């Protein structure tokens, strides 16, 4: 397990975001990316994971491709990156950065409207 403080972990997430390919970075609209220590209980129950350690990130919102005129004025979508489960999944800082990038890209895939299967098929570009 690698342990970083909240601020240091947030910096890893920021690096993952600013190093996205420009086509993805410039397409981000009305979405907040936040770092939370652990998934809340209601999220764990709603997603059906056995415990919070099985959930590394979560996208909540209306995927970009599904937004229409009704979306105007909506609160931002939310991507949560869960620090403790991610840190518990690796043993080296290098692996931590790779996993953070993977989770950020995965959740952004949902933001862009891709399913898990779509992301597996498109590993080279967004997963």
N, C-alpha and C. Protein backbone atom coordinates (compact mmCIF):
# COMPACT_ATOMS: atom_id res chain seq x y z
N UNK A 1 0.84 -1.19 0.00
CA UNK A 1 0.00 0.00 0.00
C UNK A 1 0.89 1.25 0.00
N UNK A 2 0.54 2.18 -0.84
CA UNK A 2 1.23 3.47 -0.89
C UNK A 2 0.34 4.49 -0.21
N UNK A 3 0.90 5.28 0.70
CA UNK A 3 0.11 6.27 1.40
C UNK A 3 0.60 7.67 1.08
N UNK A 4 -0.29 8.46 0.51
CA UNK A 4 -0.03 9.88 0.28
C UNK A 4 -1.10 10.66 1.01
N UNK A 5 -0.79 11.89 1.36
CA UNK A 5 -1.79 12.76 1.93
C UNK A 5 -2.78 13.22 0.86
N UNK A 6 -3.85 13.83 1.30
CA UNK A 6 -4.90 14.30 0.39
C UNK A 6 -4.32 15.23 -0.68
N UNK A 7 -3.53 16.20 -0.26
CA UNK A 7 -2.99 17.19 -1.20
C UNK A 7 -2.08 16.53 -2.25
N UNK A 8 -1.20 15.65 -1.81
CA UNK A 8 -0.29 14.99 -2.74
C UNK A 8 -1.06 14.11 -3.73
N UNK A 9 -2.10 13.44 -3.23
CA UNK A 9 -2.91 12.59 -4.10
C UNK A 9 -3.68 13.46 -5.10
N UNK A 10 -4.21 14.59 -4.65
CA UNK A 10 -4.92 15.50 -5.55
C UNK A 10 -3.99 15.98 -6.67
N UNK A 11 -2.72 16.16 -6.35
CA UNK A 11 -1.75 16.56 -7.37
C UNK A 11 -1.59 15.48 -8.43
N UNK A 12 -1.62 14.21 -8.04
CA UNK A 12 -1.55 13.12 -9.02
C UNK A 12 -2.77 13.15 -9.95
N UNK A 13 -3.93 13.42 -9.38
CA UNK A 13 -5.16 13.50 -10.19
C UNK A 13 -5.06 14.69 -11.15
N UNK A 14 -4.55 15.80 -10.66
CA UNK A 14 -4.38 16.98 -11.51
C UNK A 14 -3.43 16.69 -12.67
N UNK A 15 -2.33 15.99 -12.39
CA UNK A 15 -1.39 15.61 -13.44
C UNK A 15 -2.10 14.73 -14.48
N UNK A 16 -2.90 13.80 -14.00
CA UNK A 16 -3.64 12.92 -14.93
C UNK A 16 -4.57 13.74 -15.82
N UNK A 17 -5.17 14.80 -15.28
CA UNK A 17 -6.09 15.63 -16.06
C UNK A 17 -5.35 16.53 -17.05
N UNK A 18 -4.28 17.17 -16.61
CA UNK A 18 -3.59 18.12 -17.50
C UNK A 18 -2.78 17.41 -18.58
N UNK A 19 -2.51 16.13 -18.39
CA UNK A 19 -1.77 15.40 -19.42
C UNK A 19 -2.69 14.61 -20.35
N UNK A 20 -3.99 14.82 -20.23
CA UNK A 20 -4.92 14.20 -21.18
C UNK A 20 -4.63 14.71 -22.58
N UNK A 21 -4.89 13.91 -23.59
CA UNK A 21 -4.78 14.44 -24.95
C UNK A 21 -5.69 15.66 -25.10
N UNK A 22 -5.23 16.64 -25.86
CA UNK A 22 -5.95 17.91 -25.98
C UNK A 22 -7.40 17.72 -26.41
N UNK A 23 -7.67 16.76 -27.29
CA UNK A 23 -9.03 16.55 -27.77
C UNK A 23 -9.99 16.20 -26.62
N UNK A 24 -9.49 15.50 -25.61
CA UNK A 24 -10.33 15.16 -24.46
C UNK A 24 -10.37 16.32 -23.46
N UNK A 25 -9.23 16.92 -23.21
CA UNK A 25 -9.14 18.01 -22.23
C UNK A 25 -10.04 19.17 -22.63
N UNK A 26 -10.04 19.53 -23.90
CA UNK A 26 -10.84 20.69 -24.34
C UNK A 26 -12.33 20.36 -24.44
N UNK A 27 -12.68 19.07 -24.43
CA UNK A 27 -14.09 18.68 -24.52
C UNK A 27 -14.78 18.63 -23.16
N UNK A 28 -14.03 18.82 -22.09
CA UNK A 28 -14.63 18.75 -20.75
C UNK A 28 -15.49 19.98 -20.50
N UNK A 29 -16.76 19.76 -20.21
CA UNK A 29 -17.69 20.84 -19.93
C UNK A 29 -18.57 20.46 -18.74
N UNK A 30 -18.68 21.36 -17.80
CA UNK A 30 -19.60 21.21 -16.68
C UNK A 30 -19.40 19.89 -15.93
N UNK A 31 -18.14 19.61 -15.58
CA UNK A 31 -17.82 18.41 -14.81
C UNK A 31 -16.79 18.77 -13.76
N UNK A 32 -17.03 18.33 -12.54
CA UNK A 32 -16.08 18.51 -11.44
C UNK A 32 -15.40 17.17 -11.16
N UNK A 33 -14.10 17.23 -10.98
CA UNK A 33 -13.35 16.04 -10.59
C UNK A 33 -12.89 16.26 -9.15
N UNK A 34 -13.30 15.38 -8.25
CA UNK A 34 -12.98 15.53 -6.84
C UNK A 34 -12.30 14.28 -6.31
N UNK A 35 -11.47 14.47 -5.30
CA UNK A 35 -10.83 13.36 -4.61
C UNK A 35 -11.53 13.19 -3.27
N UNK A 36 -12.01 11.99 -3.03
CA UNK A 36 -12.63 11.65 -1.76
C UNK A 36 -11.81 10.52 -1.15
N UNK A 37 -11.74 10.49 0.16
CA UNK A 37 -10.97 9.44 0.82
C UNK A 37 -11.54 8.06 0.54
N UNK A 38 -12.85 7.94 0.64
CA UNK A 38 -13.49 6.63 0.55
C UNK A 38 -14.90 6.84 0.01
N UNK A 39 -15.45 5.88 -0.73
CA UNK A 39 -16.83 6.03 -1.22
C UNK A 39 -17.81 6.08 -0.05
N UNK A 40 -18.77 7.00 -0.12
CA UNK A 40 -19.81 7.04 0.92
C UNK A 40 -20.64 5.76 0.94
N UNK A 41 -21.22 5.46 2.07
CA UNK A 41 -22.00 4.22 2.23
C UNK A 41 -23.13 4.11 1.22
N UNK A 42 -23.83 5.22 0.95
CA UNK A 42 -24.94 5.15 0.01
C UNK A 42 -24.45 4.82 -1.40
N UNK A 43 -23.26 5.28 -1.75
CA UNK A 43 -22.68 4.97 -3.06
C UNK A 43 -22.30 3.49 -3.12
N UNK A 44 -21.72 2.99 -2.04
CA UNK A 44 -21.35 1.56 -1.98
C UNK A 44 -22.60 0.71 -2.16
N UNK A 45 -23.67 1.05 -1.44
CA UNK A 45 -24.92 0.29 -1.53
C UNK A 45 -25.53 0.39 -2.93
N UNK A 46 -25.52 1.59 -3.50
CA UNK A 46 -26.14 1.81 -4.81
C UNK A 46 -25.38 1.10 -5.94
N UNK A 47 -24.06 1.03 -5.83
CA UNK A 47 -23.27 0.42 -6.90
C UNK A 47 -23.16 -1.09 -6.76
N UNK A 48 -23.47 -1.61 -5.59
CA UNK A 48 -23.47 -3.05 -5.41
C UNK A 48 -22.09 -3.67 -5.17
N UNK A 49 -21.08 -2.84 -4.93
CA UNK A 49 -19.77 -3.41 -4.61
C UNK A 49 -19.81 -3.98 -3.20
N UNK A 50 -19.00 -5.00 -2.95
CA UNK A 50 -19.03 -5.65 -1.63
C UNK A 50 -18.54 -4.75 -0.53
N UNK A 51 -17.53 -3.97 -0.81
CA UNK A 51 -17.04 -3.01 0.17
C UNK A 51 -16.46 -1.83 -0.59
N UNK A 52 -16.15 -0.78 0.09
CA UNK A 52 -15.66 0.43 -0.56
C UNK A 52 -14.32 0.27 -1.26
N UNK A 53 -13.56 -0.76 -0.90
CA UNK A 53 -12.26 -0.95 -1.53
C UNK A 53 -12.38 -1.42 -2.98
N UNK A 54 -13.55 -1.91 -3.36
CA UNK A 54 -13.78 -2.35 -4.73
C UNK A 54 -14.17 -1.24 -5.68
N UNK A 55 -14.29 -0.02 -5.18
CA UNK A 55 -14.71 1.10 -6.02
C UNK A 55 -13.60 2.16 -6.01
N UNK A 56 -12.96 2.33 -7.15
CA UNK A 56 -11.84 3.27 -7.25
C UNK A 56 -12.25 4.64 -7.73
N UNK A 57 -13.34 4.71 -8.47
CA UNK A 57 -13.83 5.98 -8.99
C UNK A 57 -15.29 5.85 -9.36
N UNK A 58 -15.94 7.00 -9.58
CA UNK A 58 -17.36 6.98 -9.90
C UNK A 58 -17.72 8.23 -10.71
N UNK A 59 -18.44 8.02 -11.80
CA UNK A 59 -18.98 9.13 -12.58
C UNK A 59 -20.46 9.25 -12.27
N UNK A 60 -20.90 10.47 -11.96
CA UNK A 60 -22.31 10.74 -11.71
C UNK A 60 -22.72 11.93 -12.56
N UNK A 61 -23.67 11.72 -13.43
CA UNK A 61 -24.12 12.83 -14.26
C UNK A 61 -24.76 12.36 -15.54
N UNK A 62 -24.84 13.29 -16.49
CA UNK A 62 -25.41 13.03 -17.81
C UNK A 62 -24.27 12.99 -18.81
N UNK A 63 -24.01 11.82 -19.41
CA UNK A 63 -22.91 11.73 -20.37
C UNK A 63 -23.01 12.80 -21.46
N UNK A 64 -21.88 13.28 -21.89
CA UNK A 64 -21.79 14.36 -22.86
C UNK A 64 -22.65 14.08 -24.10
N UNK A 65 -22.61 12.86 -24.60
CA UNK A 65 -23.36 12.56 -25.82
C UNK A 65 -24.87 12.53 -25.61
N UNK A 66 -25.33 12.50 -24.35
CA UNK A 66 -26.77 12.48 -24.05
C UNK A 66 -27.32 13.84 -23.66
N UNK A 67 -26.47 14.84 -23.65
CA UNK A 67 -26.93 16.17 -23.24
C UNK A 67 -27.67 16.84 -24.40
N UNK A 68 -28.75 17.47 -24.06
CA UNK A 68 -29.53 18.20 -25.05
C UNK A 68 -29.93 19.54 -24.49
N UNK A 69 -30.92 20.18 -25.07
CA UNK A 69 -31.34 21.50 -24.60
C UNK A 69 -31.81 21.51 -23.15
N UNK A 70 -32.34 20.38 -22.69
CA UNK A 70 -32.82 20.27 -21.31
C UNK A 70 -31.67 20.34 -20.30
N UNK A 71 -30.45 20.12 -20.75
CA UNK A 71 -29.29 20.08 -19.85
C UNK A 71 -28.85 21.48 -19.42
N UNK A 72 -29.22 22.49 -20.15
CA UNK A 72 -28.81 23.87 -19.86
C UNK A 72 -29.11 24.24 -18.41
N UNK A 73 -28.13 24.80 -17.73
CA UNK A 73 -28.31 25.24 -16.35
C UNK A 73 -28.19 24.13 -15.32
N UNK A 74 -27.82 22.95 -15.74
CA UNK A 74 -27.69 21.83 -14.80
C UNK A 74 -26.47 21.99 -13.93
N UNK A 75 -26.53 21.40 -12.74
CA UNK A 75 -25.36 21.36 -11.88
C UNK A 75 -24.28 20.54 -12.57
N UNK A 76 -23.02 20.77 -12.23
CA UNK A 76 -21.94 20.00 -12.88
C UNK A 76 -22.05 18.51 -12.59
N UNK A 77 -21.65 17.72 -13.58
CA UNK A 77 -21.47 16.29 -13.36
C UNK A 77 -20.32 16.14 -12.37
N UNK A 78 -20.19 14.95 -11.81
CA UNK A 78 -19.15 14.74 -10.79
C UNK A 78 -18.40 13.45 -11.06
N UNK A 79 -17.09 13.55 -11.06
CA UNK A 79 -16.23 12.39 -11.10
C UNK A 79 -15.52 12.34 -9.76
N UNK A 80 -15.75 11.26 -9.02
CA UNK A 80 -15.09 11.06 -7.73
C UNK A 80 -13.97 10.05 -7.92
N UNK A 81 -12.80 10.39 -7.40
CA UNK A 81 -11.65 9.50 -7.38
C UNK A 81 -11.41 9.16 -5.91
N UNK A 82 -11.44 7.87 -5.58
CA UNK A 82 -11.39 7.44 -4.18
C UNK A 82 -9.96 7.07 -3.79
N UNK A 83 -9.36 7.91 -2.97
CA UNK A 83 -7.94 7.84 -2.61
C UNK A 83 -7.56 6.55 -1.88
N UNK A 84 -8.24 6.20 -0.81
CA UNK A 84 -7.84 5.04 0.01
C UNK A 84 -7.93 3.73 -0.78
N UNK A 85 -9.03 3.46 -1.49
CA UNK A 85 -9.06 2.21 -2.27
C UNK A 85 -7.96 2.16 -3.35
N UNK A 86 -7.67 3.28 -3.98
CA UNK A 86 -6.62 3.30 -5.00
C UNK A 86 -5.27 3.03 -4.36
N UNK A 87 -4.96 3.74 -3.28
CA UNK A 87 -3.67 3.56 -2.61
C UNK A 87 -3.51 2.14 -2.07
N UNK A 88 -4.62 1.52 -1.67
CA UNK A 88 -4.58 0.15 -1.15
C UNK A 88 -4.33 -0.88 -2.23
N UNK A 89 -4.45 -0.47 -3.48
CA UNK A 89 -4.33 -1.40 -4.60
C UNK A 89 -2.92 -1.52 -5.16
N UNK A 90 -1.99 -0.68 -4.68
CA UNK A 90 -0.63 -0.68 -5.25
C UNK A 90 0.42 -0.71 -4.15
N UNK A 91 1.65 -1.06 -4.55
CA UNK A 91 2.76 -1.12 -3.59
C UNK A 91 3.90 -0.16 -3.92
N UNK A 92 3.78 0.57 -5.05
CA UNK A 92 4.85 1.48 -5.46
C UNK A 92 4.25 2.77 -6.00
N UNK A 93 4.95 3.87 -5.80
CA UNK A 93 4.47 5.17 -6.24
C UNK A 93 4.25 5.18 -7.76
N UNK A 94 5.14 4.53 -8.52
CA UNK A 94 4.99 4.49 -9.98
C UNK A 94 3.68 3.80 -10.36
N UNK A 95 3.36 2.73 -9.65
CA UNK A 95 2.11 2.02 -9.92
C UNK A 95 0.91 2.88 -9.53
N UNK A 96 1.07 3.68 -8.49
CA UNK A 96 0.00 4.56 -8.05
C UNK A 96 -0.35 5.56 -9.14
N UNK A 97 0.66 6.19 -9.73
CA UNK A 97 0.41 7.16 -10.79
C UNK A 97 -0.29 6.51 -11.97
N UNK A 98 0.15 5.33 -12.35
CA UNK A 98 -0.49 4.61 -13.47
C UNK A 98 -1.94 4.30 -13.15
N UNK A 99 -2.21 3.86 -11.93
CA UNK A 99 -3.58 3.52 -11.56
C UNK A 99 -4.46 4.76 -11.51
N UNK A 100 -3.93 5.86 -10.97
CA UNK A 100 -4.69 7.12 -10.95
C UNK A 100 -5.05 7.52 -12.37
N UNK A 101 -4.09 7.48 -13.27
CA UNK A 101 -4.36 7.84 -14.67
C UNK A 101 -5.42 6.91 -15.27
N UNK A 102 -5.32 5.63 -14.99
CA UNK A 102 -6.28 4.66 -15.51
C UNK A 102 -7.70 4.97 -15.00
N UNK A 103 -7.83 5.23 -13.69
CA UNK A 103 -9.15 5.49 -13.10
C UNK A 103 -9.72 6.80 -13.65
N UNK A 104 -8.90 7.84 -13.74
CA UNK A 104 -9.37 9.12 -14.29
C UNK A 104 -9.86 8.91 -15.72
N UNK A 105 -9.09 8.22 -16.54
CA UNK A 105 -9.49 7.97 -17.93
C UNK A 105 -10.77 7.13 -18.00
N UNK A 106 -10.86 6.14 -17.13
CA UNK A 106 -12.06 5.29 -17.12
C UNK A 106 -13.31 6.11 -16.81
N UNK A 107 -13.24 6.93 -15.78
CA UNK A 107 -14.41 7.74 -15.40
C UNK A 107 -14.72 8.79 -16.47
N UNK A 108 -13.69 9.34 -17.10
CA UNK A 108 -13.93 10.27 -18.21
C UNK A 108 -14.56 9.54 -19.39
N UNK A 109 -14.25 8.28 -19.55
CA UNK A 109 -14.91 7.50 -20.58
C UNK A 109 -16.41 7.48 -20.38
N UNK A 110 -16.85 7.31 -19.14
CA UNK A 110 -18.28 7.36 -18.84
C UNK A 110 -18.84 8.75 -19.11
N UNK A 111 -18.09 9.78 -18.77
CA UNK A 111 -18.50 11.16 -19.04
C UNK A 111 -18.74 11.36 -20.55
N UNK A 112 -17.87 10.78 -21.37
CA UNK A 112 -18.02 10.91 -22.82
C UNK A 112 -19.09 9.96 -23.37
N UNK A 113 -19.68 9.14 -22.49
CA UNK A 113 -20.77 8.28 -22.91
C UNK A 113 -20.37 6.89 -23.33
N UNK A 114 -19.18 6.46 -22.98
CA UNK A 114 -18.72 5.12 -23.34
C UNK A 114 -19.07 4.12 -22.24
N UNK A 115 -19.48 2.95 -22.64
CA UNK A 115 -19.74 1.89 -21.67
C UNK A 115 -18.41 1.23 -21.31
N UNK A 116 -18.42 0.37 -20.31
CA UNK A 116 -17.21 -0.37 -19.96
C UNK A 116 -16.72 -1.19 -21.15
N UNK A 117 -17.66 -1.80 -21.88
CA UNK A 117 -17.28 -2.59 -23.07
C UNK A 117 -16.65 -1.70 -24.14
N UNK A 118 -17.25 -0.51 -24.36
CA UNK A 118 -16.67 0.43 -25.33
C UNK A 118 -15.24 0.78 -24.96
N UNK A 119 -15.01 1.02 -23.67
CA UNK A 119 -13.68 1.41 -23.22
C UNK A 119 -12.68 0.27 -23.39
N UNK A 120 -13.11 -0.95 -23.15
CA UNK A 120 -12.21 -2.08 -23.36
C UNK A 120 -11.82 -2.19 -24.83
N UNK A 121 -12.75 -1.91 -25.73
CA UNK A 121 -12.46 -1.97 -27.16
C UNK A 121 -11.56 -0.84 -27.62
N UNK A 122 -11.62 0.30 -26.93
CA UNK A 122 -10.86 1.48 -27.34
C UNK A 122 -9.67 1.75 -26.43
N UNK A 123 -9.09 0.75 -25.85
CA UNK A 123 -8.02 0.91 -24.88
C UNK A 123 -6.95 1.91 -25.33
N UNK A 124 -6.62 1.93 -26.59
CA UNK A 124 -5.55 2.79 -27.07
C UNK A 124 -5.86 4.27 -26.96
N UNK A 125 -7.12 4.66 -27.06
CA UNK A 125 -7.41 6.08 -27.09
C UNK A 125 -7.96 6.64 -25.78
N UNK A 126 -8.71 5.85 -25.04
CA UNK A 126 -9.31 6.44 -23.83
C UNK A 126 -9.31 5.50 -22.65
N UNK A 127 -8.57 4.44 -22.64
CA UNK A 127 -8.61 3.55 -21.47
C UNK A 127 -7.27 2.89 -21.27
